[in-house]
Amino acid sequence: MLHKNVVKKFGDLTTIANLNITVEDKEFLVLVGSIRLRKTTALRLLAGLEEISDGE
């Protein structure tokens, strides 16, 4: 799975900008970071649970 320059907006608020990630078959993805860094939003985008505002 390849995602390039992914952007997620909620109205006028851009919550994720220029997310680039590649996950190969049989690989696991772990996102680590402080609270409010939009980790859950990024995972929801990658899983197809949220609609990508822009990007591939």
PDB file of N, CA and C in Angstrom:
ATOM      1  N   MET A   1       0.842  -1.155   0.000  1.00  0.00           N
ATOM      2  CA  MET A   1       0.000   0.000   0.000  1.00  0.00           C
ATOM      3  C   MET A   1       0.899   1.233   0.000  1.00  0.00           C
ATOM      4  N   LEU A   2       0.645   2.132  -0.908  1.00  0.00           N
ATOM      5  CA  LEU A   2       1.432   3.359  -1.032  1.00  0.00           C
ATOM      6  C   LEU A   2       0.496   4.548  -0.952  1.00  0.00           C
ATOM      7  N   HIS A   3       0.812   5.485  -0.099  1.00  0.00           N
ATOM      8  CA  HIS A   3       0.053   6.730   0.010  1.00  0.00           C
ATOM      9  C   HIS A   3       1.042   7.877  -0.139  1.00  0.00           C
ATOM     10  N   LYS A   4       0.699   8.836  -1.009  1.00  0.00           N
ATOM     11  CA  LYS A   4       1.603   9.957  -1.272  1.00  0.00           C
ATOM     12  C   LYS A   4       0.873  11.281  -1.078  1.00  0.00           C
ATOM     13  N   ASN A   5       1.507  12.171  -0.325  1.00  0.00           N
ATOM     14  CA  ASN A   5       1.011  13.534  -0.116  1.00  0.00           C
ATOM     15  C   ASN A   5      -0.439  13.574   0.350  1.00  0.00           C
ATOM     16  N   VAL A   6      -0.790  12.688   1.268  1.00  0.00           N
ATOM     17  CA  VAL A   6      -2.159  12.610   1.771  1.00  0.00           C
ATOM     18  C   VAL A   6      -2.454  13.818   2.658  1.00  0.00           C
ATOM     19  N   VAL A   7      -3.619  14.398   2.446  1.00  0.00           N
ATOM     20  CA  VAL A   7      -4.088  15.539   3.229  1.00  0.00           C
ATOM     21  C   VAL A   7      -5.467  15.193   3.773  1.00  0.00           C
ATOM     22  N   LYS A   8      -5.704  15.531   5.037  1.00  0.00           N
ATOM     23  CA  LYS A   8      -7.028  15.365   5.631  1.00  0.00           C
ATOM     24  C   LYS A   8      -7.458  16.695   6.212  1.00  0.00           C
ATOM     25  N   LYS A   9      -8.635  17.149   5.784  1.00  0.00           N
ATOM     26  CA  LYS A   9      -9.197  18.403   6.281  1.00  0.00           C
ATOM     27  C   LYS A   9     -10.561  18.132   6.893  1.00  0.00           C
ATOM     28  N   PHE A  10     -10.851  18.853   7.951  1.00  0.00           N
ATOM     29  CA  PHE A  10     -12.182  18.891   8.542  1.00  0.00           C
ATOM     30  C   PHE A  10     -12.641  20.334   8.410  1.00  0.00           C
ATOM     31  N   GLY A  11     -13.435  20.610   7.387  1.00  0.00           N
ATOM     32  CA  GLY A  11     -13.809  21.991   7.088  1.00  0.00           C
ATOM     33  C   GLY A  11     -12.581  22.752   6.614  1.00  0.00           C
ATOM     34  N   ASP A  12     -12.299  23.871   7.243  1.00  0.00           N
ATOM     35  CA  ASP A  12     -11.121  24.672   6.895  1.00  0.00           C
ATOM     36  C   ASP A  12      -9.869  24.243   7.651  1.00  0.00           C
ATOM     37  N   LEU A  13     -10.008  23.325   8.594  1.00  0.00           N
ATOM     38  CA  LEU A  13      -8.886  22.886   9.427  1.00  0.00           C
ATOM     39  C   LEU A  13      -8.159  21.707   8.785  1.00  0.00           C
ATOM     40  N   THR A  14      -6.883  21.890   8.450  1.00  0.00           N
ATOM     41  CA  THR A  14      -6.055  20.804   7.925  1.00  0.00           C
ATOM     42  C   THR A  14      -5.431  20.082   9.106  1.00  0.00           C
ATOM     43  N   THR A  15      -5.787  18.802   9.269  1.00  0.00           N
ATOM     44  CA  THR A  15      -5.279  18.044  10.410  1.00  0.00           C
ATOM     45  C   THR A  15      -4.071  17.192  10.045  1.00  0.00           C
ATOM     46  N   ILE A  16      -3.997  16.761   8.787  1.00  0.00           N
ATOM     47  CA  ILE A  16      -2.844  16.001   8.297  1.00  0.00           C
ATOM     48  C   ILE A  16      -2.463  16.582   6.947  1.00  0.00           C
ATOM     49  N   ALA A  17      -1.177  16.860   6.764  1.00  0.00           N
ATOM     50  CA  ALA A  17      -0.694  17.408   5.499  1.00  0.00           C
ATOM     51  C   ALA A  17       0.556  16.660   5.063  1.00  0.00           C
ATOM     52  N   ASN A  18       0.574  16.243   3.805  1.00  0.00           N
ATOM     53  CA  ASN A  18       1.744  15.610   3.188  1.00  0.00           C
ATOM     54  C   ASN A  18       2.187  14.326   3.885  1.00  0.00           C
ATOM     55  N   LEU A  19       1.243  13.464   4.211  1.00  0.00           N
ATOM     56  CA  LEU A  19       1.559  12.153   4.777  1.00  0.00           C
ATOM     57  C   LEU A  19       2.001  11.238   3.645  1.00  0.00           C
ATOM     58  N   ASN A  20       3.195  10.694   3.753  1.00  0.00           N
ATOM     59  CA  ASN A  20       3.735   9.753   2.775  1.00  0.00           C
ATOM     60  C   ASN A  20       4.101   8.471   3.508  1.00  0.00           C
ATOM     61  N   ILE A  21       3.554   7.350   3.035  1.00  0.00           N
ATOM     62  CA  ILE A  21       3.812   6.088   3.728  1.00  0.00           C
ATOM     63  C   ILE A  21       3.679   4.922   2.760  1.00  0.00           C
ATOM     64  N   THR A  22       4.539   3.929   2.950  1.00  0.00           N
ATOM     65  CA  THR A  22       4.476   2.685   2.186  1.00  0.00           C
ATOM     66  C   THR A  22       4.460   1.529   3.172  1.00  0.00           C
ATOM     67  N   VAL A  23       3.493   0.635   3.003  1.00  0.00           N
ATOM     68  CA  VAL A  23       3.407  -0.566   3.828  1.00  0.00           C
ATOM     69  C   VAL A  23       3.312  -1.747   2.869  1.00  0.00           C
ATOM     70  N   GLU A  24       4.288  -2.632   2.930  1.00  0.00           N
ATOM     71  CA  GLU A  24       4.323  -3.806   2.051  1.00  0.00           C
ATOM     72  C   GLU A  24       3.469  -4.927   2.634  1.00  0.00           C
ATOM     73  N   ASP A  25       3.132  -5.912   1.803  1.00  0.00           N
ATOM     74  CA  ASP A  25       2.385  -7.083   2.262  1.00  0.00           C
ATOM     75  C   ASP A  25       3.119  -7.746   3.427  1.00  0.00           C
ATOM     76  N   LYS A  26       2.360  -8.190   4.402  1.00  0.00           N
ATOM     77  CA  LYS A  26       2.851  -8.897   5.587  1.00  0.00           C
ATOM     78  C   LYS A  26       3.679  -8.020   6.521  1.00  0.00           C
ATOM     79  N   GLU A  27       3.640  -6.710   6.342  1.00  0.00           N
ATOM     80  CA  GLU A  27       4.310  -5.786   7.256  1.00  0.00           C
ATOM     81  C   GLU A  27       3.290  -5.228   8.242  1.00  0.00           C
ATOM     82  N   PHE A  28       3.771  -4.826   9.403  1.00  0.00           N
ATOM     83  CA  PHE A  28       2.949  -4.182  10.410  1.00  0.00           C
ATOM     84  C   PHE A  28       3.314  -2.711  10.459  1.00  0.00           C
ATOM     85  N   LEU A  29       2.353  -1.893  10.798  1.00  0.00           N
ATOM     86  CA  LEU A  29       2.569  -0.460  10.918  1.00  0.00           C
ATOM     87  C   LEU A  29       2.278  -0.043  12.351  1.00  0.00           C
ATOM     88  N   VAL A  30       3.202   0.696  12.944  1.00  0.00           N
ATOM     89  CA  VAL A  30       3.019   1.228  14.291  1.00  0.00           C
ATOM     90  C   VAL A  30       3.294   2.721  14.236  1.00  0.00           C
ATOM     91  N   LEU A  31       2.380   3.512  14.756  1.00  0.00           N
ATOM     92  CA  LEU A  31       2.581   4.956  14.866  1.00  0.00           C
ATOM     93  C   LEU A  31       2.762   5.293  16.336  1.00  0.00           C
ATOM     94  N   VAL A  32       3.836   5.989  16.651  1.00  0.00           N
ATOM     95  CA  VAL A  32       4.151   6.350  18.029  1.00  0.00           C
ATOM     96  C   VAL A  32       4.305   7.857  18.104  1.00  0.00           C
ATOM     97  N   GLY A  33       3.742   8.462  19.122  1.00  0.00           N
ATOM     98  CA  GLY A  33       3.890   9.899  19.291  1.00  0.00           C
ATOM     99  C   GLY A  33       3.059  10.397  20.458  1.00  0.00           C
ATOM    100  N   SER A  34       3.210  11.662  20.744  1.00  0.00           N
ATOM    101  CA  SER A  34       2.471  12.300  21.834  1.00  0.00           C
ATOM    102  C   SER A  34       0.987  12.387  21.495  1.00  0.00           C
ATOM    103  N   ILE A  35       0.205  12.758  22.494  1.00  0.00           N
ATOM    104  CA  ILE A  35      -1.226  12.921  22.266  1.00  0.00           C
ATOM    105  C   ILE A  35      -1.482  14.077  21.295  1.00  0.00           C
ATOM    106  N   ARG A  36      -2.600  13.996  20.613  1.00  0.00           N
ATOM    107  CA  ARG A  36      -3.060  15.021  19.661  1.00  0.00           C
ATOM    108  C   ARG A  36      -2.155  15.200  18.452  1.00  0.00           C
ATOM    109  N   LEU A  37      -1.458  14.152  18.046  1.00  0.00           N
ATOM    110  CA  LEU A  37      -0.640  14.235  16.832  1.00  0.00           C
ATOM    111  C   LEU A  37      -1.334  13.605  15.629  1.00  0.00           C
ATOM    112  N   ARG A  38      -2.608  13.247  15.778  1.00  0.00           N
ATOM    113  CA  ARG A  38      -3.440  12.705  14.693  1.00  0.00           C
ATOM    114  C   ARG A  38      -3.044  11.302  14.262  1.00  0.00           C
ATOM    115  N   LYS A  39      -2.541  10.495  15.204  1.00  0.00           N
ATOM    116  CA  LYS A  39      -2.188   9.103  14.891  1.00  0.00           C
ATOM    117  C   LYS A  39      -3.421   8.304  14.497  1.00  0.00           C
ATOM    118  N   THR A  40      -4.493   8.444  15.260  1.00  0.00           N
ATOM    119  CA  THR A  40      -5.722   7.706  14.963  1.00  0.00           C
ATOM    120  C   THR A  40      -6.303   8.139  13.628  1.00  0.00           C
ATOM    121  N   THR A  41      -6.283   9.421  13.345  1.00  0.00           N
ATOM    122  CA  THR A  41      -6.779   9.908  12.057  1.00  0.00           C
ATOM    123  C   THR A  41      -5.967   9.317  10.918  1.00  0.00           C
ATOM    124  N   ALA A  42      -4.660   9.263  11.060  1.00  0.00           N
ATOM    125  CA  ALA A  42      -3.802   8.682  10.019  1.00  0.00           C
ATOM    126  C   ALA A  42      -4.132   7.208   9.805  1.00  0.00           C
ATOM    127  N   LEU A  43      -4.301   6.457  10.878  1.00  0.00           N
ATOM    128  CA  LEU A  43      -4.645   5.040  10.749  1.00  0.00           C
ATOM    129  C   LEU A  43      -6.019   4.857  10.119  1.00  0.00           C
ATOM    130  N   ARG A  44      -6.969   5.711  10.459  1.00  0.00           N
ATOM    131  CA  ARG A  44      -8.305   5.630   9.857  1.00  0.00           C
ATOM    132  C   ARG A  44      -8.248   5.935   8.363  1.00  0.00           C
ATOM    133  N   LEU A  45      -7.400   6.862   7.955  1.00  0.00           N
ATOM    134  CA  LEU A  45      -7.221   7.153   6.528  1.00  0.00           C
ATOM    135  C   LEU A  45      -6.644   5.945   5.803  1.00  0.00           C
ATOM    136  N   LEU A  46      -5.618   5.349   6.383  1.00  0.00           N
ATOM    137  CA  LEU A  46      -4.967   4.195   5.756  1.00  0.00           C
ATOM    138  C   LEU A  46      -5.898   2.992   5.668  1.00  0.00           C
ATOM    139  N   ALA A  47      -6.785   2.849   6.650  1.00  0.00           N
ATOM    140  CA  ALA A  47      -7.725   1.725   6.671  1.00  0.00           C
ATOM    141  C   ALA A  47      -8.946   1.973   5.789  1.00  0.00           C
ATOM    142  N   GLY A  48      -9.077   3.195   5.278  1.00  0.00           N
ATOM    143  CA  GLY A  48     -10.230   3.516   4.442  1.00  0.00           C
ATOM    144  C   GLY A  48     -11.474   3.892   5.226  1.00  0.00           C
ATOM    145  N   LEU A  49     -11.327   4.155   6.515  1.00  0.00           N
ATOM    146  CA  LEU A  49     -12.465   4.534   7.350  1.00  0.00           C
ATOM    147  C   LEU A  49     -12.765   6.025   7.286  1.00  0.00           C
ATOM    148  N   GLU A  50     -11.802   6.806   6.842  1.00  0.00           N
ATOM    149  CA  GLU A  50     -11.970   8.247   6.631  1.00  0.00           C
ATOM    150  C   GLU A  50     -11.646   8.542   5.174  1.00  0.00           C
ATOM    151  N   GLU A  51     -12.295   9.538   4.620  1.00  0.00           N
ATOM    152  CA  GLU A  51     -12.041   9.933   3.234  1.00  0.00           C
ATOM    153  C   GLU A  51     -10.850  10.885   3.175  1.00  0.00           C
ATOM    154  N   ILE A  52      -9.927  10.610   2.260  1.00  0.00           N
ATOM    155  CA  ILE A  52      -8.760  11.469   2.053  1.00  0.00           C
ATOM    156  C   ILE A  52      -9.216  12.742   1.348  1.00  0.00           C
ATOM    157  N   SER A  53      -8.798  13.905   1.856  1.00  0.00           N
ATOM    158  CA  SER A  53      -9.183  15.179   1.248  1.00  0.00           C
ATOM    159  C   SER A  53      -8.403  15.455  -0.026  1.00  0.00           C
ATOM    160  N   ASP A  54      -7.133  15.036  -0.059  1.00  0.00           N
ATOM    161  CA  ASP A  54      -6.278  15.248  -1.227  1.00  0.00           C
ATOM    162  C   ASP A  54      -5.127  14.257  -1.158  1.00  0.00           C
ATOM    163  N   GLY A  55      -4.509  13.987  -2.288  1.00  0.00           N
ATOM    164  CA  GLY A  55      -3.376  13.067  -2.351  1.00  0.00           C
ATOM    165  C   GLY A  55      -3.772  11.735  -2.946  1.00  0.00           C
ATOM    166  N   GLU A  56      -2.820  10.811  -2.933  1.00  0.00           N
ATOM    167  CA  GLU A  56      -3.043   9.481  -3.520  1.00  0.00           C
ATOM    168  C   GLU A  56      -3.010   8.413  -2.447  1.00  0.00           C
TER     169      GLU A  56
END
